[in-house]
Amino acid sequence: MRKLKFLLLPILVIQEIVSMMNPFEILNLSMASSRIKNVVQLYSKHARYFYRIEFSERPSIDFTGTEDIWRYEITADRNRTEVEDYYQNSMRIMTICVFGKDILEEVKSWFKYIKEIFNIDGGLMVIINLDTFPGQNKAITDWVNSQTTWTRHCDIDGEKVRDDDVKYVLNTLNIRITLNIFANVSDNFRFEVPQFLSQLYIENGGWIKLNQLLEIDASEIFIRNTKLTRDELTVFFKNWMCMKSQIGLECFTAGIEKRDDVDTILDVPHENFGTETIRTFELKTQEIKLRGGSEIRRCDGTTAAIFVTTEPDRLVLAMIVVKKKMF
């Protein structure tokens, strides 16, 4: 009865109430009656969330984009149908576990309803572990593609080499902003990288050859475990300096075997900075302070810092393009 009185409130009040609700509250309210569902659907379409679907050992549908994450996790374990509330890296994650005998169908059913209530059209974030539902990867990809006009963010994971499945995901989904490939692929793997990406991360980059690297059009390129040689990386930098490739590049990293490799790679005109020189660079998601390093200059006057950083299991050659100040 209390929920039905909701319909008697002035329109502006209803709009304000819905705008203050979190996704769980909105969806719960929408299930009260068909009339309430129609009203909620009308005023929740402007909710500022990103929607993420994860197909892994713990399939879920997330609402992100704020300081909190609201998650519906689909489980075949009846004992896990509870509400979880915890913090991870200062991010609060609230989870409702939903039981389903057929997990994939349950995910589809829940997302269909969520999409209807929030009027989702495009910009999904998708995480696919190719090992979780190995026989259904293409069907999952087709379903995701049918639910969105474009994909904001895509993670592809999997231990077993599944080149065809990785290619199918990449060729089917319209990925526009971020692509992370964690999946293992063969050294013979080839694919056309989506154009104009904001960020591309490749975990196992042994298959990346120079010609394919030069074709990648992304603002930020991160390649781990690469087999690119010192000479190939030198060609990469020379091409950038001559504006033959990666004109829109802002950041690039690649693993190298030893620090001395930099001397060979920097067989191009460059300027070295002493350790007393500290420079600050702003990327899309972080600010980096660099002590020393080198600098190369493109033919249009744009400069880029070159330096080596250390991670627990490897050395990383990094390049950060210095943004020109606009006055």
C-alpha atoms as a PDB file:
ATOM      1  CA  MET A   1       0.000   0.000   0.000  1.00  0.00           C
ATOM      2  CA  ARG A   2       2.825   2.374   0.884  1.00  0.00           C
ATOM      3  CA  LYS A   3       4.432   1.839  -2.508  1.00  0.00           C
ATOM      4  CA  LEU A   4       1.124   2.462  -4.280  1.00  0.00           C
ATOM      5  CA  LYS A   5       0.864   5.858  -2.553  1.00  0.00           C
ATOM      6  CA  PHE A   6       4.079   6.682  -4.387  1.00  0.00           C
ATOM      7  CA  LEU A   7       1.988   7.195  -7.532  1.00  0.00           C
ATOM      8  CA  LEU A   8      -0.056   9.931  -5.859  1.00  0.00           C
ATOM      9  CA  LEU A   9       2.942  12.166  -5.303  1.00  0.00           C
ATOM     10  CA  PRO A  10       3.594  15.190  -7.548  1.00  0.00           C
ATOM     11  CA  ILE A  11       5.688  14.450 -10.629  1.00  0.00           C
ATOM     12  CA  LEU A  12       8.622  16.573  -9.491  1.00  0.00           C
ATOM     13  CA  VAL A  13       8.652  14.802  -6.133  1.00  0.00           C
ATOM     14  CA  ILE A  14       8.625  11.384  -7.803  1.00  0.00           C
ATOM     15  CA  GLN A  15      11.473  12.456 -10.057  1.00  0.00           C
ATOM     16  CA  GLU A  16      13.491  13.677  -7.076  1.00  0.00           C
ATOM     17  CA  ILE A  17      12.865  10.481  -5.095  1.00  0.00           C
ATOM     18  CA  VAL A  18      13.970   8.252  -7.968  1.00  0.00           C
ATOM     19  CA  SER A  19      17.088  10.360  -8.538  1.00  0.00           C
ATOM     20  CA  MET A  20      18.115   9.789  -4.903  1.00  0.00           C
ATOM     21  CA  MET A  21      17.693   6.006  -5.036  1.00  0.00           C
ATOM     22  CA  ASN A  22      20.489   3.528  -5.659  1.00  0.00           C
ATOM     23  CA  PRO A  23      20.018   0.854  -8.370  1.00  0.00           C
ATOM     24  CA  PHE A  24      18.859  -1.803  -5.901  1.00  0.00           C
ATOM     25  CA  GLU A  25      16.139   0.503  -4.583  1.00  0.00           C
ATOM     26  CA  ILE A  26      15.042   1.519  -8.072  1.00  0.00           C
ATOM     27  CA  LEU A  27      14.724  -2.072  -9.278  1.00  0.00           C
ATOM     28  CA  ASN A  28      12.990  -3.191  -6.096  1.00  0.00           C
ATOM     29  CA  LEU A  29      10.455  -0.376  -6.422  1.00  0.00           C
ATOM     30  CA  SER A  30       9.849  -1.154 -10.090  1.00  0.00           C
ATOM     31  CA  MET A  31       8.715  -4.675  -9.188  1.00  0.00           C
ATOM     32  CA  ALA A  32       5.873  -3.449  -6.953  1.00  0.00           C
ATOM     33  CA  SER A  33       3.364  -3.134  -9.802  1.00  0.00           C
ATOM     34  CA  SER A  34       3.186  -2.555 -13.535  1.00  0.00           C
ATOM     35  CA  ARG A  35       2.072   1.061 -12.995  1.00  0.00           C
ATOM     36  CA  ILE A  36       4.972   1.795 -10.671  1.00  0.00           C
ATOM     37  CA  LYS A  37       7.304   0.063 -13.113  1.00  0.00           C
ATOM     38  CA  ASN A  38       6.205   2.426 -15.894  1.00  0.00           C
ATOM     39  CA  VAL A  39       6.766   5.480 -13.710  1.00  0.00           C
ATOM     40  CA  VAL A  40      10.158   4.304 -12.472  1.00  0.00           C
ATOM     41  CA  GLN A  41      11.174   3.456 -16.019  1.00  0.00           C
ATOM     42  CA  LEU A  42      10.315   6.984 -17.113  1.00  0.00           C
ATOM     43  CA  TYR A  43      12.398   8.731 -14.462  1.00  0.00           C
ATOM     44  CA  SER A  44      15.320   6.334 -14.133  1.00  0.00           C
ATOM     45  CA  LYS A  45      16.451   6.600 -17.750  1.00  0.00           C
ATOM     46  CA  HIS A  46      18.691   9.535 -16.901  1.00  0.00           C
ATOM     47  CA  ALA A  47      20.522   7.654 -14.133  1.00  0.00           C
ATOM     48  CA  ARG A  48      24.259   8.199 -14.523  1.00  0.00           C
ATOM     49  CA  TYR A  49      25.665   4.687 -14.300  1.00  0.00           C
ATOM     50  CA  PHE A  50      27.943   2.501 -16.347  1.00  0.00           C
ATOM     51  CA  TYR A  51      26.745  -1.061 -16.751  1.00  0.00           C
ATOM     52  CA  ARG A  52      29.143  -3.986 -16.624  1.00  0.00           C
ATOM     53  CA  ILE A  53      28.406  -7.627 -17.401  1.00  0.00           C
ATOM     54  CA  GLU A  54      30.892 -10.261 -16.302  1.00  0.00           C
ATOM     55  CA  PHE A  55      30.965 -13.816 -17.606  1.00  0.00           C
ATOM     56  CA  SER A  56      33.370 -15.630 -15.298  1.00  0.00           C
ATOM     57  CA  GLU A  57      33.299 -18.092 -12.405  1.00  0.00           C
ATOM     58  CA  ARG A  58      31.155 -15.509 -10.601  1.00  0.00           C
ATOM     59  CA  PRO A  59      28.928 -14.001 -13.310  1.00  0.00           C
ATOM     60  CA  SER A  60      27.511 -10.621 -12.390  1.00  0.00           C
ATOM     61  CA  ILE A  61      25.860  -7.415 -13.540  1.00  0.00           C
ATOM     62  CA  ASP A  62      27.350  -4.252 -12.053  1.00  0.00           C
ATOM     63  CA  PHE A  63      26.301  -0.637 -11.785  1.00  0.00           C
ATOM     64  CA  THR A  64      29.418   1.545 -11.685  1.00  0.00           C
ATOM     65  CA  GLY A  65      30.357   5.160 -12.334  1.00  0.00           C
ATOM     66  CA  THR A  66      30.014   6.447  -8.788  1.00  0.00           C
ATOM     67  CA  GLU A  67      32.043   5.894  -5.634  1.00  0.00           C
ATOM     68  CA  ASP A  68      30.156   2.632  -5.068  1.00  0.00           C
ATOM     69  CA  ILE A  69      29.469  -0.513  -7.072  1.00  0.00           C
ATOM     70  CA  TRP A  70      26.087  -2.233  -6.948  1.00  0.00           C
ATOM     71  CA  ARG A  71      26.300  -5.838  -8.120  1.00  0.00           C
ATOM     72  CA  TYR A  72      23.879  -8.619  -8.913  1.00  0.00           C
ATOM     73  CA  GLU A  73      25.848 -11.866  -8.777  1.00  0.00           C
ATOM     74  CA  ILE A  74      24.267 -14.931 -10.319  1.00  0.00           C
ATOM     75  CA  THR A  75      25.039 -18.172  -8.502  1.00  0.00           C
ATOM     76  CA  ALA A  76      24.025 -21.835  -8.651  1.00  0.00           C
ATOM     77  CA  ASP A  77      24.733 -22.142  -4.920  1.00  0.00           C
ATOM     78  CA  ARG A  78      21.503 -21.775  -2.940  1.00  0.00           C
ATOM     79  CA  ASN A  79      23.547 -21.056   0.190  1.00  0.00           C
ATOM     80  CA  ARG A  80      24.887 -17.824  -1.318  1.00  0.00           C
ATOM     81  CA  THR A  81      21.592 -16.016  -1.777  1.00  0.00           C
ATOM     82  CA  GLU A  82      22.473 -13.178   0.580  1.00  0.00           C
ATOM     83  CA  VAL A  83      23.524  -9.558   0.546  1.00  0.00           C
ATOM     84  CA  GLU A  84      27.238  -8.763   0.782  1.00  0.00           C
ATOM     85  CA  ASP A  85      28.680  -5.343   1.605  1.00  0.00           C
ATOM     86  CA  TYR A  86      32.445  -4.830   1.635  1.00  0.00           C
ATOM     87  CA  TYR A  87      35.260  -2.514   0.602  1.00  0.00           C
ATOM     88  CA  GLN A  88      37.902  -3.273  -2.023  1.00  0.00           C
ATOM     89  CA  ASN A  89      40.660  -0.717  -2.676  1.00  0.00           C
ATOM     90  CA  SER A  90      38.541   1.975  -0.980  1.00  0.00           C
ATOM     91  CA  MET A  91      35.634   1.108  -3.298  1.00  0.00           C
ATOM     92  CA  ARG A  92      32.423  -0.005  -1.615  1.00  0.00           C
ATOM     93  CA  ILE A  93      30.871  -3.046  -3.305  1.00  0.00           C
ATOM     94  CA  MET A  94      27.317  -4.052  -2.442  1.00  0.00           C
ATOM     95  CA  THR A  95      26.269  -7.419  -3.818  1.00  0.00           C
ATOM     96  CA  ILE A  96      22.957  -9.231  -4.000  1.00  0.00           C
ATOM     97  CA  CYS A  97      23.414 -12.923  -4.800  1.00  0.00           C
ATOM     98  CA  VAL A  98      20.695 -14.298  -7.065  1.00  0.00           C
ATOM     99  CA  PHE A  99      20.127 -18.035  -7.427  1.00  0.00           C
ATOM    100  CA  GLY A 100      19.689 -19.517 -10.877  1.00  0.00           C
ATOM    101  CA  LYS A 101      19.729 -23.102 -12.140  1.00  0.00           C
ATOM    102  CA  ASP A 102      20.844 -21.959 -15.593  1.00  0.00           C
ATOM    103  CA  ILE A 103      23.357 -19.218 -14.830  1.00  0.00           C
ATOM    104  CA  LEU A 104      23.673 -17.823 -18.350  1.00  0.00           C
ATOM    105  CA  GLU A 105      19.922 -17.606 -18.845  1.00  0.00           C
ATOM    106  CA  GLU A 106      19.581 -15.964 -15.438  1.00  0.00           C
ATOM    107  CA  VAL A 107      22.185 -13.341 -16.396  1.00  0.00           C
ATOM    108  CA  LYS A 108      20.333 -12.636 -19.635  1.00  0.00           C
ATOM    109  CA  SER A 109      16.984 -12.437 -17.872  1.00  0.00           C
ATOM    110  CA  TRP A 110      18.226 -10.009 -15.225  1.00  0.00           C
ATOM    111  CA  PHE A 111      20.000  -7.824 -17.732  1.00  0.00           C
ATOM    112  CA  LYS A 112      16.917  -7.726 -19.951  1.00  0.00           C
ATOM    113  CA  TYR A 113      14.923  -6.331 -17.042  1.00  0.00           C
ATOM    114  CA  ILE A 114      17.669  -3.900 -15.985  1.00  0.00           C
ATOM    115  CA  LYS A 115      18.032  -2.702 -19.564  1.00  0.00           C
ATOM    116  CA  GLU A 116      14.291  -2.115 -19.755  1.00  0.00           C
ATOM    117  CA  ILE A 117      14.145  -0.116 -16.518  1.00  0.00           C
ATOM    118  CA  PHE A 118      17.232   2.015 -17.162  1.00  0.00           C
ATOM    119  CA  ASN A 119      16.786   2.355 -20.940  1.00  0.00           C
ATOM    120  CA  ILE A 120      20.296   1.112 -21.679  1.00  0.00           C
ATOM    121  CA  ASP A 121      21.303   1.548 -25.310  1.00  0.00           C
ATOM    122  CA  GLY A 122      25.085   1.427 -25.553  1.00  0.00           C
ATOM    123  CA  GLY A 123      28.334   1.800 -23.691  1.00  0.00           C
ATOM    124  CA  LEU A 124      28.399  -1.541 -21.889  1.00  0.00           C
ATOM    125  CA  MET A 125      31.465  -2.770 -20.028  1.00  0.00           C
ATOM    126  CA  VAL A 126      32.026  -6.469 -20.719  1.00  0.00           C
ATOM    127  CA  ILE A 127      34.291  -9.023 -19.048  1.00  0.00           C
ATOM    128  CA  ILE A 128      34.527 -12.450 -20.673  1.00  0.00           C
ATOM    129  CA  ASN A 129      36.579 -15.345 -19.316  1.00  0.00           C
ATOM    130  CA  LEU A 130      36.756 -17.764 -22.218  1.00  0.00           C
ATOM    131  CA  ASP A 131      37.457 -20.719 -19.904  1.00  0.00           C
ATOM    132  CA  THR A 132      34.217 -20.431 -17.908  1.00  0.00           C
ATOM    133  CA  PHE A 133      31.687 -21.326 -20.616  1.00  0.00           C
ATOM    134  CA  PRO A 134      34.056 -22.648 -23.335  1.00  0.00           C
ATOM    135  CA  GLY A 135      31.396 -24.084 -25.600  1.00  0.00           C
ATOM    136  CA  GLN A 136      29.253 -20.966 -25.508  1.00  0.00           C
ATOM    137  CA  ASN A 137      31.725 -18.118 -26.019  1.00  0.00           C
ATOM    138  CA  LYS A 138      30.441 -17.220 -29.477  1.00  0.00           C
ATOM    139  CA  ALA A 139      26.817 -17.388 -28.332  1.00  0.00           C
ATOM    140  CA  ILE A 140      27.633 -15.140 -25.356  1.00  0.00           C
ATOM    141  CA  THR A 141      29.394 -12.680 -27.658  1.00  0.00           C
ATOM    142  CA  ASP A 142      26.439 -12.615 -30.061  1.00  0.00           C
ATOM    143  CA  TRP A 143      24.063 -12.004 -27.169  1.00  0.00           C
ATOM    144  CA  VAL A 144      26.165  -9.125 -25.800  1.00  0.00           C
ATOM    145  CA  ASN A 145      26.316  -7.604 -29.276  1.00  0.00           C
ATOM    146  CA  SER A 146      22.524  -7.809 -29.533  1.00  0.00           C
ATOM    147  CA  GLN A 147      22.142  -5.872 -26.277  1.00  0.00           C
ATOM    148  CA  THR A 148      24.297  -2.832 -27.028  1.00  0.00           C
ATOM    149  CA  THR A 149      25.139  -0.589 -29.958  1.00  0.00           C
ATOM    150  CA  TRP A 150      28.712  -0.207 -28.715  1.00  0.00           C
ATOM    151  CA  THR A 151      31.019  -1.454 -25.971  1.00  0.00           C
ATOM    152  CA  ARG A 152      32.809   1.002 -23.695  1.00  0.00           C
ATOM    153  CA  HIS A 153      35.237  -1.435 -22.085  1.00  0.00           C
ATOM    154  CA  CYS A 154      36.085  -5.065 -22.819  1.00  0.00           C
ATOM    155  CA  ASP A 155      38.252  -7.529 -20.883  1.00  0.00           C
ATOM    156  CA  ILE A 156      39.045 -10.867 -22.518  1.00  0.00           C
ATOM    157  CA  ASP A 157      40.570 -13.455 -20.182  1.00  0.00           C
ATOM    158  CA  GLY A 158      41.399 -17.155 -20.233  1.00  0.00           C
ATOM    159  CA  GLU A 159      44.300 -19.491 -19.559  1.00  0.00           C
ATOM    160  CA  LYS A 160      43.709 -21.897 -22.441  1.00  0.00           C
ATOM    161  CA  VAL A 161      44.674 -20.724 -25.926  1.00  0.00           C
ATOM    162  CA  ARG A 162      41.461 -19.944 -27.816  1.00  0.00           C
ATOM    163  CA  ASP A 163      42.520 -17.783 -30.761  1.00  0.00           C
ATOM    164  CA  ASP A 164      39.227 -18.194 -32.629  1.00  0.00           C
ATOM    165  CA  ASP A 165      37.153 -17.123 -29.632  1.00  0.00           C
ATOM    166  CA  VAL A 166      39.338 -14.066 -28.992  1.00  0.00           C
ATOM    167  CA  LYS A 167      39.070 -13.054 -32.650  1.00  0.00           C
ATOM    168  CA  TYR A 168      35.310 -13.560 -32.597  1.00  0.00           C
ATOM    169  CA  VAL A 169      34.886 -11.238 -29.628  1.00  0.00           C
ATOM    170  CA  LEU A 170      37.091  -8.590 -31.245  1.00  0.00           C
ATOM    171  CA  ASN A 171      35.412  -8.836 -34.633  1.00  0.00           C
ATOM    172  CA  THR A 172      31.866  -8.873 -33.247  1.00  0.00           C
ATOM    173  CA  LEU A 173      31.782  -6.248 -30.506  1.00  0.00           C
ATOM    174  CA  ASN A 174      32.052  -2.557 -31.347  1.00  0.00           C
ATOM    175  CA  ILE A 175      34.742  -1.727 -28.763  1.00  0.00           C
ATOM    176  CA  ARG A 176      35.423   2.011 -28.607  1.00  0.00           C
ATOM    177  CA  ILE A 177      37.343   3.018 -25.484  1.00  0.00           C
ATOM    178  CA  THR A 178      39.232   0.353 -23.523  1.00  0.00           C
ATOM    179  CA  LEU A 179      40.381  -3.130 -24.541  1.00  0.00           C
ATOM    180  CA  ASN A 180      42.293  -5.414 -22.184  1.00  0.00           C
ATOM    181  CA  ILE A 181      43.467  -8.768 -23.534  1.00  0.00           C
ATOM    182  CA  PHE A 182      44.562 -10.994 -20.652  1.00  0.00           C
ATOM    183  CA  ALA A 183      43.820 -14.220 -22.530  1.00  0.00           C
ATOM    184  CA  ASN A 184      46.609 -16.471 -23.696  1.00  0.00           C
ATOM    185  CA  VAL A 185      46.895 -16.645 -27.469  1.00  0.00           C
ATOM    186  CA  SER A 186      49.297 -18.395 -29.827  1.00  0.00           C
ATOM    187  CA  ASP A 187      52.379 -16.723 -31.290  1.00  0.00           C
ATOM    188  CA  ASN A 188      50.628 -16.864 -34.670  1.00  0.00           C
ATOM    189  CA  PHE A 189      47.650 -14.851 -33.448  1.00  0.00           C
ATOM    190  CA  ARG A 190      46.664 -11.919 -35.672  1.00  0.00           C
ATOM    191  CA  PHE A 191      43.779  -9.483 -35.565  1.00  0.00           C
ATOM    192  CA  GLU A 192      42.866  -5.952 -36.533  1.00  0.00           C
ATOM    193  CA  VAL A 193      42.896  -3.753 -33.448  1.00  0.00           C
ATOM    194  CA  PRO A 194      39.762  -1.575 -33.140  1.00  0.00           C
ATOM    195  CA  GLN A 195      40.535   1.954 -34.298  1.00  0.00           C
ATOM    196  CA  PHE A 196      40.677   5.036 -32.077  1.00  0.00           C
ATOM    197  CA  LEU A 197      40.844   3.182 -28.764  1.00  0.00           C
ATOM    198  CA  SER A 198      41.634   5.204 -25.682  1.00  0.00           C
ATOM    199  CA  GLN A 199      43.566   2.359 -24.075  1.00  0.00           C
ATOM    200  CA  LEU A 200      44.884  -1.031 -25.178  1.00  0.00           C
ATOM    201  CA  TYR A 201      46.476  -3.467 -22.730  1.00  0.00           C
ATOM    202  CA  ILE A 202      47.912  -6.814 -23.844  1.00  0.00           C
ATOM    203  CA  GLU A 203      49.079  -9.138 -21.074  1.00  0.00           C
ATOM    204  CA  ASN A 204      50.745 -11.808 -23.200  1.00  0.00           C
ATOM    205  CA  GLY A 205      52.171  -9.826 -26.093  1.00  0.00           C
ATOM    206  CA  GLY A 206      54.620 -12.348 -27.504  1.00  0.00           C
ATOM    207  CA  TRP A 207      52.574 -12.483 -30.703  1.00  0.00           C
ATOM    208  CA  ILE A 208      52.855  -8.738 -31.388  1.00  0.00           C
ATOM    209  CA  LYS A 209      55.164  -8.112 -34.337  1.00  0.00           C
ATOM    210  CA  LEU A 210      56.495  -4.727 -35.448  1.00  0.00           C
ATOM    211  CA  ASN A 211      54.162  -4.347 -38.425  1.00  0.00           C
ATOM    212  CA  GLN A 212      51.121  -4.960 -36.254  1.00  0.00           C
ATOM    213  CA  LEU A 213      52.384  -2.619 -33.531  1.00  0.00           C
ATOM    214  CA  LEU A 214      52.728   0.185 -36.078  1.00  0.00           C
ATOM    215  CA  GLU A 215      49.093  -0.304 -37.109  1.00  0.00           C
ATOM    216  CA  ILE A 216      47.688   0.065 -33.580  1.00  0.00           C
ATOM    217  CA  ASP A 217      45.756   3.312 -33.252  1.00  0.00           C
ATOM    218  CA  ALA A 218      45.260   3.833 -29.515  1.00  0.00           C
ATOM    219  CA  SER A 219      46.073   6.714 -27.185  1.00  0.00           C
ATOM    220  CA  GLU A 220      47.658   4.439 -24.597  1.00  0.00           C
ATOM    221  CA  ILE A 221      49.357   1.146 -25.491  1.00  0.00           C
ATOM    222  CA  PHE A 222      50.607  -1.248 -22.811  1.00  0.00           C
ATOM    223  CA  ILE A 223      52.220  -4.514 -23.926  1.00  0.00           C
ATOM    224  CA  ARG A 224      53.480  -6.984 -21.354  1.00  0.00           C
ATOM    225  CA  ASN A 225      55.770  -9.957 -22.051  1.00  0.00           C
ATOM    226  CA  THR A 226      56.605  -8.723 -25.529  1.00  0.00           C
ATOM    227  CA  LYS A 227      59.111 -10.333 -27.880  1.00  0.00           C
ATOM    228  CA  LEU A 228      59.797  -7.100 -29.743  1.00  0.00           C
ATOM    229  CA  THR A 229      63.529  -6.711 -30.344  1.00  0.00           C
ATOM    230  CA  ARG A 230      65.627  -3.651 -29.568  1.00  0.00           C
ATOM    231  CA  ASP A 231      65.867  -2.857 -33.276  1.00  0.00           C
ATOM    232  CA  GLU A 232      62.093  -3.122 -33.698  1.00  0.00           C
ATOM    233  CA  LEU A 233      61.473  -0.742 -30.804  1.00  0.00           C
ATOM    234  CA  THR A 234      63.973   1.662 -32.378  1.00  0.00           C
ATOM    235  CA  VAL A 235      61.943   1.594 -35.602  1.00  0.00           C
ATOM    236  CA  PHE A 236      58.800   2.239 -33.547  1.00  0.00           C
ATOM    237  CA  PHE A 237      60.303   5.409 -32.047  1.00  0.00           C
ATOM    238  CA  LYS A 238      61.703   6.565 -35.403  1.00  0.00           C
ATOM    239  CA  ASN A 239      58.301   6.186 -37.034  1.00  0.00           C
ATOM    240  CA  TRP A 240      56.710   8.229 -34.259  1.00  0.00           C
ATOM    241  CA  MET A 241      59.334  10.958 -34.654  1.00  0.00           C
ATOM    242  CA  CYS A 242      58.642  11.130 -38.402  1.00  0.00           C
ATOM    243  CA  MET A 243      54.849  11.056 -37.850  1.00  0.00           C
ATOM    244  CA  LYS A 244      54.541   7.839 -39.851  1.00  0.00           C
ATOM    245  CA  SER A 245      52.543   6.075 -37.125  1.00  0.00           C
ATOM    246  CA  GLN A 246      50.938   6.515 -33.686  1.00  0.00           C
ATOM    247  CA  ILE A 247      50.276  10.226 -34.227  1.00  0.00           C
ATOM    248  CA  GLY A 248      47.688  10.278 -31.436  1.00  0.00           C
ATOM    249  CA  LEU A 249      49.807   8.269 -28.995  1.00  0.00           C
ATOM    250  CA  GLU A 250      49.968   9.532 -25.406  1.00  0.00           C
ATOM    251  CA  CYS A 251      51.641   6.646 -23.583  1.00  0.00           C
ATOM    252  CA  PHE A 252      53.446   3.421 -24.522  1.00  0.00           C
ATOM    253  CA  THR A 253      55.060   0.681 -22.436  1.00  0.00           C
ATOM    254  CA  ALA A 254      56.756  -2.588 -23.340  1.00  0.00           C
ATOM    255  CA  GLY A 255      58.793  -5.102 -21.392  1.00  0.00           C
ATOM    256  CA  ILE A 256      62.551  -5.239 -22.051  1.00  0.00           C
ATOM    257  CA  GLU A 257      65.190  -7.735 -20.940  1.00  0.00           C
ATOM    258  CA  LYS A 258      67.837  -5.418 -19.498  1.00  0.00           C
ATOM    259  CA  ARG A 259      68.364  -1.738 -18.846  1.00  0.00           C
ATOM    260  CA  ASP A 260      71.273  -1.568 -21.306  1.00  0.00           C
ATOM    261  CA  ASP A 261      68.793  -2.236 -24.116  1.00  0.00           C
ATOM    262  CA  VAL A 262      67.705   1.391 -23.879  1.00  0.00           C
ATOM    263  CA  ASP A 263      71.061   2.571 -25.238  1.00  0.00           C
ATOM    264  CA  THR A 264      70.468   0.540 -28.392  1.00  0.00           C
ATOM    265  CA  ILE A 265      66.805   1.486 -28.669  1.00  0.00           C
ATOM    266  CA  LEU A 266      67.621   5.185 -28.373  1.00  0.00           C
ATOM    267  CA  ASP A 267      69.736   5.127 -31.517  1.00  0.00           C
ATOM    268  CA  VAL A 268      67.806   8.254 -32.471  1.00  0.00           C
ATOM    269  CA  PRO A 269      68.358  11.953 -31.717  1.00  0.00           C
ATOM    270  CA  HIS A 270      67.508  12.447 -28.053  1.00  0.00           C
ATOM    271  CA  GLU A 271      68.308  14.497 -24.973  1.00  0.00           C
ATOM    272  CA  ASN A 272      69.234  13.004 -21.600  1.00  0.00           C
ATOM    273  CA  PHE A 273      68.184  14.497 -18.264  1.00  0.00           C
ATOM    274  CA  GLY A 274      70.109  14.099 -15.019  1.00  0.00           C
ATOM    275  CA  THR A 275      68.540  12.622 -11.905  1.00  0.00           C
ATOM    276  CA  GLU A 276      68.291  16.119 -10.434  1.00  0.00           C
ATOM    277  CA  THR A 277      65.634  16.956 -13.040  1.00  0.00           C
ATOM    278  CA  ILE A 278      62.082  16.054 -12.043  1.00  0.00           C
ATOM    279  CA  ARG A 279      59.263  16.325 -14.564  1.00  0.00           C
ATOM    280  CA  THR A 280      55.524  15.802 -14.068  1.00  0.00           C
ATOM    281  CA  PHE A 281      53.264  14.165 -16.652  1.00  0.00           C
ATOM    282  CA  GLU A 282      49.491  13.836 -16.603  1.00  0.00           C
ATOM    283  CA  LEU A 283      47.816  10.789 -18.101  1.00  0.00           C
ATOM    284  CA  LYS A 284      44.099  10.110 -18.291  1.00  0.00           C
ATOM    285  CA  THR A 285      44.015   8.243 -14.987  1.00  0.00           C
ATOM    286  CA  GLN A 286      47.136   9.277 -13.097  1.00  0.00           C
ATOM    287  CA  GLU A 287      49.941  11.774 -12.632  1.00  0.00           C
ATOM    288  CA  ILE A 288      53.547  10.607 -13.016  1.00  0.00           C
ATOM    289  CA  LYS A 289      56.637  12.297 -11.620  1.00  0.00           C
ATOM    290  CA  LEU A 290      59.812  11.352 -13.495  1.00  0.00           C
ATOM    291  CA  ARG A 291      63.371  11.859 -12.311  1.00  0.00           C
ATOM    292  CA  GLY A 292      65.888  11.936 -15.157  1.00  0.00           C
ATOM    293  CA  GLY A 293      65.195   9.914 -18.292  1.00  0.00           C
ATOM    294  CA  SER A 294      65.526  10.935 -21.933  1.00  0.00           C
ATOM    295  CA  GLU A 295      63.473  12.915 -24.414  1.00  0.00           C
ATOM    296  CA  ILE A 296      62.849  12.541 -28.129  1.00  0.00           C
ATOM    297  CA  ARG A 297      61.280  15.124 -30.442  1.00  0.00           C
ATOM    298  CA  ARG A 298      58.812  14.622 -33.259  1.00  0.00           C
ATOM    299  CA  CYS A 299      59.103  16.542 -36.517  1.00  0.00           C
ATOM    300  CA  ASP A 300      56.170  18.769 -35.500  1.00  0.00           C
ATOM    301  CA  GLY A 301      57.889  19.773 -32.251  1.00  0.00           C
ATOM    302  CA  THR A 302      56.000  17.400 -29.938  1.00  0.00           C
ATOM    303  CA  THR A 303      58.278  15.766 -27.370  1.00  0.00           C
ATOM    304  CA  ALA A 304      58.103  12.474 -25.492  1.00  0.00           C
ATOM    305  CA  ALA A 305      59.858  11.281 -22.346  1.00  0.00           C
ATOM    306  CA  ILE A 306      61.588   7.898 -22.519  1.00  0.00           C
ATOM    307  CA  PHE A 307      62.509   6.054 -19.337  1.00  0.00           C
ATOM    308  CA  VAL A 308      62.806   2.634 -17.717  1.00  0.00           C
ATOM    309  CA  THR A 309      60.746   1.608 -14.712  1.00  0.00           C
ATOM    310  CA  THR A 310      60.950  -1.532 -12.609  1.00  0.00           C
ATOM    311  CA  GLU A 311      58.152  -3.952 -11.792  1.00  0.00           C
ATOM    312  CA  PRO A 312      58.517  -7.006  -9.517  1.00  0.00           C
ATOM    313  CA  ASP A 313      59.117  -9.407 -12.406  1.00  0.00           C
ATOM    314  CA  ARG A 314      60.428  -7.277 -15.247  1.00  0.00           C
ATOM    315  CA  LEU A 315      61.837  -4.037 -16.621  1.00  0.00           C
ATOM    316  CA  VAL A 316      59.505  -1.757 -18.547  1.00  0.00           C
ATOM    317  CA  LEU A 317      60.444   0.718 -21.249  1.00  0.00           C
ATOM    318  CA  ALA A 318      57.995   3.610 -21.127  1.00  0.00           C
ATOM    319  CA  MET A 319      57.205   6.553 -23.359  1.00  0.00           C
ATOM    320  CA  ILE A 320      54.990   9.481 -22.356  1.00  0.00           C
ATOM    321  CA  VAL A 321      54.106  12.154 -24.887  1.00  0.00           C
ATOM    322  CA  VAL A 322      54.287  15.670 -23.466  1.00  0.00           C
ATOM    323  CA  LYS A 323      50.970  17.419 -23.968  1.00  0.00           C
ATOM    324  CA  LYS A 324      51.129  20.832 -25.544  1.00  0.00           C
ATOM    325  CA  LYS A 325      49.611  23.560 -23.418  1.00  0.00           C
ATOM    326  CA  MET A 326      46.706  25.395 -24.996  1.00  0.00           C
ATOM    327  CA  PHE A 327      46.430  29.114 -24.264  1.00  0.00           C
END
